[in-house]
Amino acid sequence: MRALGLDLGSKRIGVAVSDSDGLVATPIEVVRRTGDRRGEHRALADLAEEWEVEVVVVGIPYSLDGSTGPMAQAMTAETVELERVLGARSGVPVETYDERLTTVTAERTLREQDLRAPQRRKVVDMVAAAVMLQGWLDARREANG
């Protein structure tokens, strides 16, 4: 099952995709926020179609205690909007997944690769999307035995 993972940020949207077997997540690109949310969602729907995904997974930044803070509420609301666009275009379902600390993990990984700050900023969102998507893939595989 191929899945598309999204890390919705206020300035950028990190995008990752899994292999067709649903085993490995790979960062693919960053979609810049333009202020045109419908246009951004159409661009994400285009990516879902291009990669022939069966599900889109959106990371929700829950608080460390598991509660839903303002950012998590905003991302949940945007997920509902995105689901409408994807449902109307291709019927691809949207799921959410806890993305706590994925950006921290991505940032640490990129630092370990000796990427300078400007280079890290260009890719950290898509790497965070891959970290989140990999967590979702692993949890799904565990749940299905």
N, C-alpha and C. Protein backbone atom coordinates (compact mmCIF):
# COMPACT_ATOMS: atom_id res chain seq x y z
N MET A 1 0.85 -1.18 0.00
CA MET A 1 0.00 0.00 0.00
C MET A 1 0.88 1.24 0.00
N ARG A 2 0.77 2.04 -1.02
CA ARG A 2 1.55 3.27 -1.09
C ARG A 2 0.80 4.38 -0.35
N ALA A 3 1.53 5.09 0.49
CA ALA A 3 0.95 6.17 1.30
C ALA A 3 1.74 7.46 1.09
N LEU A 4 1.04 8.57 1.19
CA LEU A 4 1.65 9.89 1.14
C LEU A 4 1.60 10.47 2.54
N GLY A 5 2.72 10.95 3.05
CA GLY A 5 2.78 11.55 4.38
C GLY A 5 2.95 13.04 4.28
N LEU A 6 2.20 13.79 5.09
CA LEU A 6 2.26 15.25 5.06
C LEU A 6 2.57 15.81 6.44
N ASP A 7 3.53 16.73 6.46
CA ASP A 7 3.85 17.49 7.67
C ASP A 7 3.41 18.92 7.39
N LEU A 8 2.20 19.27 7.86
CA LEU A 8 1.62 20.58 7.59
C LEU A 8 2.25 21.62 8.50
N GLY A 9 2.94 22.57 7.92
CA GLY A 9 3.52 23.65 8.69
C GLY A 9 2.89 24.96 8.29
N SER A 10 3.23 26.02 8.99
CA SER A 10 2.64 27.32 8.68
C SER A 10 3.29 27.95 7.44
N LYS A 11 4.54 27.59 7.13
CA LYS A 11 5.23 28.16 5.97
C LYS A 11 5.47 27.14 4.86
N ARG A 12 5.58 25.87 5.26
CA ARG A 12 5.90 24.82 4.30
C ARG A 12 5.14 23.54 4.67
N ILE A 13 4.92 22.69 3.66
CA ILE A 13 4.32 21.37 3.86
C ILE A 13 5.34 20.34 3.40
N GLY A 14 5.81 19.54 4.33
CA GLY A 14 6.73 18.47 3.98
C GLY A 14 5.95 17.30 3.43
N VAL A 15 6.49 16.67 2.38
CA VAL A 15 5.81 15.57 1.73
C VAL A 15 6.76 14.37 1.63
N ALA A 16 6.24 13.20 1.99
CA ALA A 16 6.99 11.95 1.87
C ALA A 16 6.07 10.91 1.26
N VAL A 17 6.65 9.87 0.70
CA VAL A 17 5.86 8.80 0.11
C VAL A 17 6.48 7.47 0.52
N SER A 18 5.63 6.46 0.62
CA SER A 18 6.15 5.12 0.93
C SER A 18 6.35 4.35 -0.37
N ASP A 19 7.10 3.28 -0.28
CA ASP A 19 7.21 2.37 -1.41
C ASP A 19 5.88 1.66 -1.59
N SER A 20 5.71 0.94 -2.68
CA SER A 20 4.42 0.32 -2.97
C SER A 20 4.06 -0.79 -1.98
N ASP A 21 5.05 -1.34 -1.27
CA ASP A 21 4.77 -2.36 -0.27
C ASP A 21 4.44 -1.77 1.10
N GLY A 22 4.55 -0.45 1.23
CA GLY A 22 4.25 0.20 2.50
C GLY A 22 5.26 -0.11 3.59
N LEU A 23 6.53 -0.25 3.20
CA LEU A 23 7.57 -0.58 4.17
C LEU A 23 8.47 0.58 4.53
N VAL A 24 8.82 1.39 3.52
CA VAL A 24 9.82 2.44 3.72
C VAL A 24 9.29 3.80 3.25
N ALA A 25 9.45 4.81 4.08
CA ALA A 25 9.05 6.17 3.73
C ALA A 25 10.26 6.95 3.23
N THR A 26 10.03 7.74 2.18
CA THR A 26 11.09 8.54 1.58
C THR A 26 10.62 9.98 1.43
N PRO A 27 11.44 10.96 1.85
CA PRO A 27 11.06 12.35 1.63
C PRO A 27 11.10 12.67 0.14
N ILE A 28 10.08 13.43 -0.35
CA ILE A 28 10.09 13.73 -1.79
C ILE A 28 10.11 15.21 -2.12
N GLU A 29 9.43 16.05 -1.33
CA GLU A 29 9.47 17.48 -1.65
C GLU A 29 8.85 18.32 -0.55
N VAL A 30 9.02 19.62 -0.73
CA VAL A 30 8.41 20.60 0.17
C VAL A 30 7.52 21.49 -0.68
N VAL A 31 6.26 21.64 -0.24
CA VAL A 31 5.31 22.54 -0.90
C VAL A 31 5.28 23.82 -0.08
N ARG A 32 5.60 24.92 -0.69
CA ARG A 32 5.60 26.21 0.00
C ARG A 32 4.18 26.71 0.20
N ARG A 33 3.91 27.27 1.37
CA ARG A 33 2.61 27.88 1.64
C ARG A 33 2.54 29.19 0.85
N THR A 34 1.41 29.41 0.20
CA THR A 34 1.25 30.61 -0.62
C THR A 34 0.15 31.52 -0.10
N GLY A 35 -0.63 31.03 0.87
CA GLY A 35 -1.79 31.78 1.33
C GLY A 35 -3.06 31.34 0.60
N ASP A 36 -2.92 30.51 -0.42
CA ASP A 36 -4.04 29.98 -1.18
C ASP A 36 -4.20 28.51 -0.77
N ARG A 37 -4.93 28.27 0.31
CA ARG A 37 -5.04 26.92 0.85
C ARG A 37 -5.66 25.96 -0.16
N ARG A 38 -6.68 26.41 -0.89
CA ARG A 38 -7.29 25.53 -1.90
C ARG A 38 -6.27 25.11 -2.95
N GLY A 39 -5.47 26.07 -3.39
CA GLY A 39 -4.42 25.77 -4.37
C GLY A 39 -3.40 24.80 -3.80
N GLU A 40 -3.03 25.00 -2.54
CA GLU A 40 -2.09 24.09 -1.88
C GLU A 40 -2.67 22.68 -1.81
N HIS A 41 -3.95 22.59 -1.47
CA HIS A 41 -4.60 21.28 -1.37
C HIS A 41 -4.71 20.62 -2.74
N ARG A 42 -4.95 21.42 -3.78
CA ARG A 42 -4.98 20.85 -5.14
C ARG A 42 -3.59 20.32 -5.51
N ALA A 43 -2.54 21.03 -5.13
CA ALA A 43 -1.17 20.57 -5.40
C ALA A 43 -0.90 19.25 -4.68
N LEU A 44 -1.40 19.13 -3.45
CA LEU A 44 -1.22 17.88 -2.69
C LEU A 44 -2.03 16.76 -3.32
N ALA A 45 -3.23 17.07 -3.80
CA ALA A 45 -4.05 16.07 -4.49
C ALA A 45 -3.35 15.62 -5.78
N ASP A 46 -2.70 16.56 -6.47
CA ASP A 46 -1.93 16.21 -7.68
C ASP A 46 -0.82 15.22 -7.33
N LEU A 47 -0.14 15.46 -6.21
CA LEU A 47 0.93 14.55 -5.78
C LEU A 47 0.37 13.17 -5.44
N ALA A 48 -0.79 13.15 -4.78
CA ALA A 48 -1.42 11.88 -4.43
C ALA A 48 -1.75 11.08 -5.69
N GLU A 49 -2.23 11.78 -6.70
CA GLU A 49 -2.53 11.11 -7.98
C GLU A 49 -1.26 10.68 -8.70
N GLU A 50 -0.27 11.56 -8.72
CA GLU A 50 0.99 11.25 -9.40
C GLU A 50 1.64 10.00 -8.82
N TRP A 51 1.64 9.89 -7.50
CA TRP A 51 2.28 8.76 -6.82
C TRP A 51 1.35 7.56 -6.67
N GLU A 52 0.09 7.71 -7.10
CA GLU A 52 -0.91 6.64 -7.04
C GLU A 52 -1.03 6.07 -5.63
N VAL A 53 -1.22 6.97 -4.67
CA VAL A 53 -1.32 6.54 -3.28
C VAL A 53 -2.72 6.03 -2.96
N GLU A 54 -2.77 5.20 -1.95
CA GLU A 54 -4.04 4.65 -1.49
C GLU A 54 -4.54 5.32 -0.23
N VAL A 55 -3.65 6.07 0.43
CA VAL A 55 -4.01 6.78 1.65
C VAL A 55 -3.06 7.96 1.82
N VAL A 56 -3.58 9.04 2.41
CA VAL A 56 -2.76 10.19 2.78
C VAL A 56 -2.75 10.25 4.30
N VAL A 57 -1.57 10.39 4.88
CA VAL A 57 -1.41 10.44 6.33
C VAL A 57 -0.90 11.82 6.71
N VAL A 58 -1.67 12.50 7.55
CA VAL A 58 -1.32 13.85 7.98
C VAL A 58 -0.86 13.79 9.43
N GLY A 59 0.30 14.35 9.70
CA GLY A 59 0.82 14.41 11.06
C GLY A 59 0.12 15.49 11.86
N ILE A 60 -0.30 15.14 13.07
CA ILE A 60 -0.95 16.10 13.97
C ILE A 60 0.00 16.31 15.16
N PRO A 61 0.37 17.56 15.43
CA PRO A 61 1.33 17.85 16.51
C PRO A 61 0.66 17.94 17.89
N TYR A 62 0.34 16.78 18.46
CA TYR A 62 -0.24 16.77 19.80
C TYR A 62 0.78 17.30 20.81
N SER A 63 0.29 17.80 21.92
CA SER A 63 1.18 18.24 23.00
C SER A 63 1.86 17.02 23.60
N LEU A 64 2.96 17.25 24.31
CA LEU A 64 3.69 16.13 24.91
C LEU A 64 2.83 15.30 25.85
N ASP A 65 1.83 15.93 26.48
CA ASP A 65 0.95 15.19 27.38
C ASP A 65 -0.21 14.52 26.63
N GLY A 66 -0.20 14.63 25.30
CA GLY A 66 -1.23 13.98 24.49
C GLY A 66 -2.46 14.83 24.23
N SER A 67 -2.49 16.03 24.78
CA SER A 67 -3.65 16.88 24.58
C SER A 67 -3.58 17.58 23.21
N THR A 68 -4.71 18.16 22.84
CA THR A 68 -4.81 18.84 21.55
C THR A 68 -4.69 20.34 21.78
N GLY A 69 -3.52 20.89 21.44
CA GLY A 69 -3.29 22.32 21.58
C GLY A 69 -3.78 23.07 20.35
N PRO A 70 -3.55 24.38 20.31
CA PRO A 70 -4.02 25.20 19.19
C PRO A 70 -3.48 24.75 17.83
N MET A 71 -2.20 24.38 17.76
CA MET A 71 -1.63 23.95 16.49
C MET A 71 -2.26 22.63 16.04
N ALA A 72 -2.44 21.70 16.96
CA ALA A 72 -3.08 20.42 16.61
C ALA A 72 -4.51 20.64 16.15
N GLN A 73 -5.22 21.55 16.77
CA GLN A 73 -6.59 21.86 16.36
C GLN A 73 -6.62 22.46 14.96
N ALA A 74 -5.67 23.34 14.67
CA ALA A 74 -5.60 23.95 13.34
C ALA A 74 -5.28 22.91 12.28
N MET A 75 -4.35 22.01 12.58
CA MET A 75 -3.98 20.97 11.62
C MET A 75 -5.12 19.98 11.41
N THR A 76 -5.87 19.69 12.46
CA THR A 76 -7.03 18.80 12.34
C THR A 76 -8.08 19.44 11.44
N ALA A 77 -8.32 20.74 11.63
CA ALA A 77 -9.30 21.45 10.79
C ALA A 77 -8.83 21.45 9.33
N GLU A 78 -7.55 21.67 9.10
CA GLU A 78 -7.05 21.67 7.73
C GLU A 78 -7.14 20.27 7.13
N THR A 79 -6.94 19.26 7.93
CA THR A 79 -7.04 17.88 7.45
C THR A 79 -8.44 17.59 6.92
N VAL A 80 -9.46 18.12 7.59
CA VAL A 80 -10.84 17.95 7.14
C VAL A 80 -11.02 18.60 5.76
N GLU A 81 -10.47 19.81 5.59
CA GLU A 81 -10.55 20.50 4.30
C GLU A 81 -9.83 19.69 3.21
N LEU A 82 -8.65 19.20 3.53
CA LEU A 82 -7.87 18.42 2.57
C LEU A 82 -8.61 17.14 2.19
N GLU A 83 -9.24 16.52 3.17
CA GLU A 83 -9.98 15.29 2.91
C GLU A 83 -11.12 15.53 1.91
N ARG A 84 -11.76 16.69 2.00
CA ARG A 84 -12.82 17.02 1.04
C ARG A 84 -12.27 17.09 -0.38
N VAL A 85 -11.12 17.74 -0.53
CA VAL A 85 -10.51 17.88 -1.86
C VAL A 85 -10.11 16.51 -2.41
N LEU A 86 -9.44 15.71 -1.59
CA LEU A 86 -8.99 14.40 -2.04
C LEU A 86 -10.17 13.48 -2.31
N GLY A 87 -11.17 13.54 -1.47
CA GLY A 87 -12.36 12.70 -1.65
C GLY A 87 -13.08 13.03 -2.94
N ALA A 88 -13.20 14.31 -3.24
CA ALA A 88 -13.89 14.74 -4.45
C ALA A 88 -13.10 14.36 -5.70
N ARG A 89 -11.79 14.41 -5.62
CA ARG A 89 -10.96 14.15 -6.81
C ARG A 89 -10.69 12.68 -7.04
N SER A 90 -10.35 11.97 -5.97
CA SER A 90 -9.88 10.60 -6.20
C SER A 90 -10.39 9.58 -5.19
N GLY A 91 -11.10 10.04 -4.18
CA GLY A 91 -11.61 9.11 -3.18
C GLY A 91 -10.54 8.57 -2.24
N VAL A 92 -9.35 9.19 -2.24
CA VAL A 92 -8.26 8.74 -1.37
C VAL A 92 -8.58 9.14 0.07
N PRO A 93 -8.59 8.19 0.99
CA PRO A 93 -8.86 8.53 2.39
C PRO A 93 -7.69 9.26 3.04
N VAL A 94 -8.01 10.02 4.08
CA VAL A 94 -7.00 10.74 4.84
C VAL A 94 -7.04 10.25 6.28
N GLU A 95 -5.88 9.91 6.81
CA GLU A 95 -5.76 9.51 8.20
C GLU A 95 -4.82 10.48 8.90
N THR A 96 -4.94 10.55 10.21
CA THR A 96 -4.02 11.38 10.98
C THR A 96 -3.13 10.48 11.83
N TYR A 97 -1.97 11.02 12.19
CA TYR A 97 -1.02 10.28 13.01
C TYR A 97 -0.26 11.26 13.89
N ASP A 98 0.02 10.84 15.08
CA ASP A 98 0.73 11.67 16.06
C ASP A 98 2.15 11.95 15.56
N GLU A 99 2.47 13.22 15.37
CA GLU A 99 3.80 13.57 14.86
C GLU A 99 4.67 14.24 15.92
N ARG A 100 4.37 14.03 17.19
CA ARG A 100 5.20 14.65 18.22
C ARG A 100 6.67 14.36 18.00
N LEU A 101 7.46 15.39 18.03
CA LEU A 101 8.93 15.33 17.97
C LEU A 101 9.51 14.89 16.63
N THR A 102 8.69 14.78 15.57
CA THR A 102 9.26 14.37 14.29
C THR A 102 10.22 15.42 13.73
N THR A 103 9.89 16.69 13.89
CA THR A 103 10.79 17.73 13.38
C THR A 103 12.10 17.73 14.17
N VAL A 104 12.02 17.48 15.48
CA VAL A 104 13.23 17.39 16.30
C VAL A 104 14.10 16.23 15.82
N THR A 105 13.47 15.08 15.56
CA THR A 105 14.20 13.92 15.07
C THR A 105 14.83 14.21 13.71
N ALA A 106 14.06 14.83 12.82
CA ALA A 106 14.56 15.16 11.49
C ALA A 106 15.74 16.13 11.58
N GLU A 107 15.59 17.14 12.41
CA GLU A 107 16.66 18.15 12.59
C GLU A 107 17.93 17.49 13.11
N ARG A 108 17.79 16.60 14.08
CA ARG A 108 18.94 15.91 14.66
C ARG A 108 19.63 15.04 13.60
N THR A 109 18.85 14.33 12.82
CA THR A 109 19.41 13.49 11.77
C THR A 109 20.18 14.32 10.75
N LEU A 110 19.61 15.44 10.37
CA LEU A 110 20.28 16.30 9.38
C LEU A 110 21.55 16.93 9.95
N ARG A 111 21.53 17.26 11.25
CA ARG A 111 22.73 17.81 11.89
C ARG A 111 23.84 16.76 11.91
N GLU A 112 23.45 15.51 12.19
CA GLU A 112 24.43 14.42 12.22
C GLU A 112 25.07 14.21 10.85
N GLN A 113 24.37 14.63 9.79
CA GLN A 113 24.92 14.52 8.43
C GLN A 113 25.71 15.77 8.05
N ASP A 114 25.95 16.63 9.04
CA ASP A 114 26.74 17.85 8.86
C ASP A 114 26.15 18.83 7.85
N LEU A 115 24.82 18.86 7.73
CA LEU A 115 24.20 19.86 6.87
C LEU A 115 24.15 21.18 7.62
N ARG A 116 24.52 22.24 6.94
CA ARG A 116 24.47 23.57 7.55
C ARG A 116 23.03 24.02 7.67
N ALA A 117 22.79 25.00 8.54
CA ALA A 117 21.43 25.46 8.82
C ALA A 117 20.62 25.82 7.57
N PRO A 118 21.17 26.58 6.61
CA PRO A 118 20.38 26.91 5.42
C PRO A 118 19.96 25.67 4.63
N GLN A 119 20.85 24.69 4.55
CA GLN A 119 20.54 23.45 3.84
C GLN A 119 19.49 22.65 4.60
N ARG A 120 19.61 22.62 5.93
CA ARG A 120 18.64 21.88 6.75
C ARG A 120 17.25 22.46 6.59
N ARG A 121 17.13 23.80 6.59
CA ARG A 121 15.82 24.45 6.47
C ARG A 121 15.11 24.06 5.18
N LYS A 122 15.87 23.81 4.12
CA LYS A 122 15.28 23.46 2.83
C LYS A 122 14.66 22.07 2.83
N VAL A 123 15.17 21.17 3.68
CA VAL A 123 14.72 19.77 3.62
C VAL A 123 14.08 19.23 4.90
N VAL A 124 14.17 19.96 6.01
CA VAL A 124 13.73 19.41 7.29
C VAL A 124 12.24 19.03 7.28
N ASP A 125 11.41 19.79 6.56
CA ASP A 125 9.98 19.49 6.56
C ASP A 125 9.67 18.17 5.86
N MET A 126 10.34 17.91 4.75
CA MET A 126 10.07 16.65 4.07
C MET A 126 10.69 15.47 4.82
N VAL A 127 11.80 15.69 5.50
CA VAL A 127 12.39 14.64 6.32
C VAL A 127 11.47 14.35 7.52
N ALA A 128 10.89 15.40 8.11
CA ALA A 128 9.94 15.21 9.21
C ALA A 128 8.71 14.44 8.72
N ALA A 129 8.26 14.73 7.50
CA ALA A 129 7.13 13.98 6.93
C ALA A 129 7.48 12.50 6.78
N ALA A 130 8.72 12.22 6.38
CA ALA A 130 9.16 10.83 6.22
C ALA A 130 9.25 10.14 7.58
N VAL A 131 9.74 10.84 8.61
CA VAL A 131 9.82 10.27 9.96
C VAL A 131 8.42 9.92 10.45
N MET A 132 7.48 10.86 10.26
CA MET A 132 6.09 10.63 10.68
C MET A 132 5.49 9.46 9.92
N LEU A 133 5.65 9.46 8.59
CA LEU A 133 5.07 8.39 7.77
C LEU A 133 5.67 7.04 8.12
N GLN A 134 6.97 7.01 8.38
CA GLN A 134 7.61 5.74 8.76
C GLN A 134 7.02 5.22 10.06
N GLY A 135 6.77 6.13 11.02
CA GLY A 135 6.12 5.72 12.27
C GLY A 135 4.74 5.12 12.02
N TRP A 136 3.97 5.75 11.13
CA TRP A 136 2.64 5.25 10.78
C TRP A 136 2.74 3.88 10.12
N LEU A 137 3.68 3.72 9.18
CA LEU A 137 3.86 2.44 8.50
C LEU A 137 4.23 1.34 9.48
N ASP A 138 5.16 1.65 10.39
CA ASP A 138 5.62 0.66 11.38
C ASP A 138 4.48 0.28 12.32
N ALA A 139 3.70 1.27 12.79
CA ALA A 139 2.58 0.99 13.69
C ALA A 139 1.52 0.14 12.99
N ARG A 140 1.27 0.45 11.74
CA ARG A 140 0.29 -0.30 10.95
C ARG A 140 0.74 -1.75 10.77
N ARG A 141 2.03 -1.95 10.48
CA ARG A 141 2.56 -3.29 10.30
C ARG A 141 2.49 -4.09 11.61
N GLU A 142 2.81 -3.42 12.73
CA GLU A 142 2.71 -4.08 14.04
C GLU A 142 1.29 -4.49 14.36
N ALA A 143 0.34 -3.59 14.07
CA ALA A 143 -1.07 -3.86 14.38
C ALA A 143 -1.62 -5.01 13.53
N ASN A 144 -1.09 -5.16 12.32
CA ASN A 144 -1.58 -6.22 11.42
C ASN A 144 -0.78 -7.52 11.54
N GLY A 145 0.16 -7.53 12.47
CA GLY A 145 0.92 -8.75 12.73
C GLY A 145 1.95 -8.99 11.73
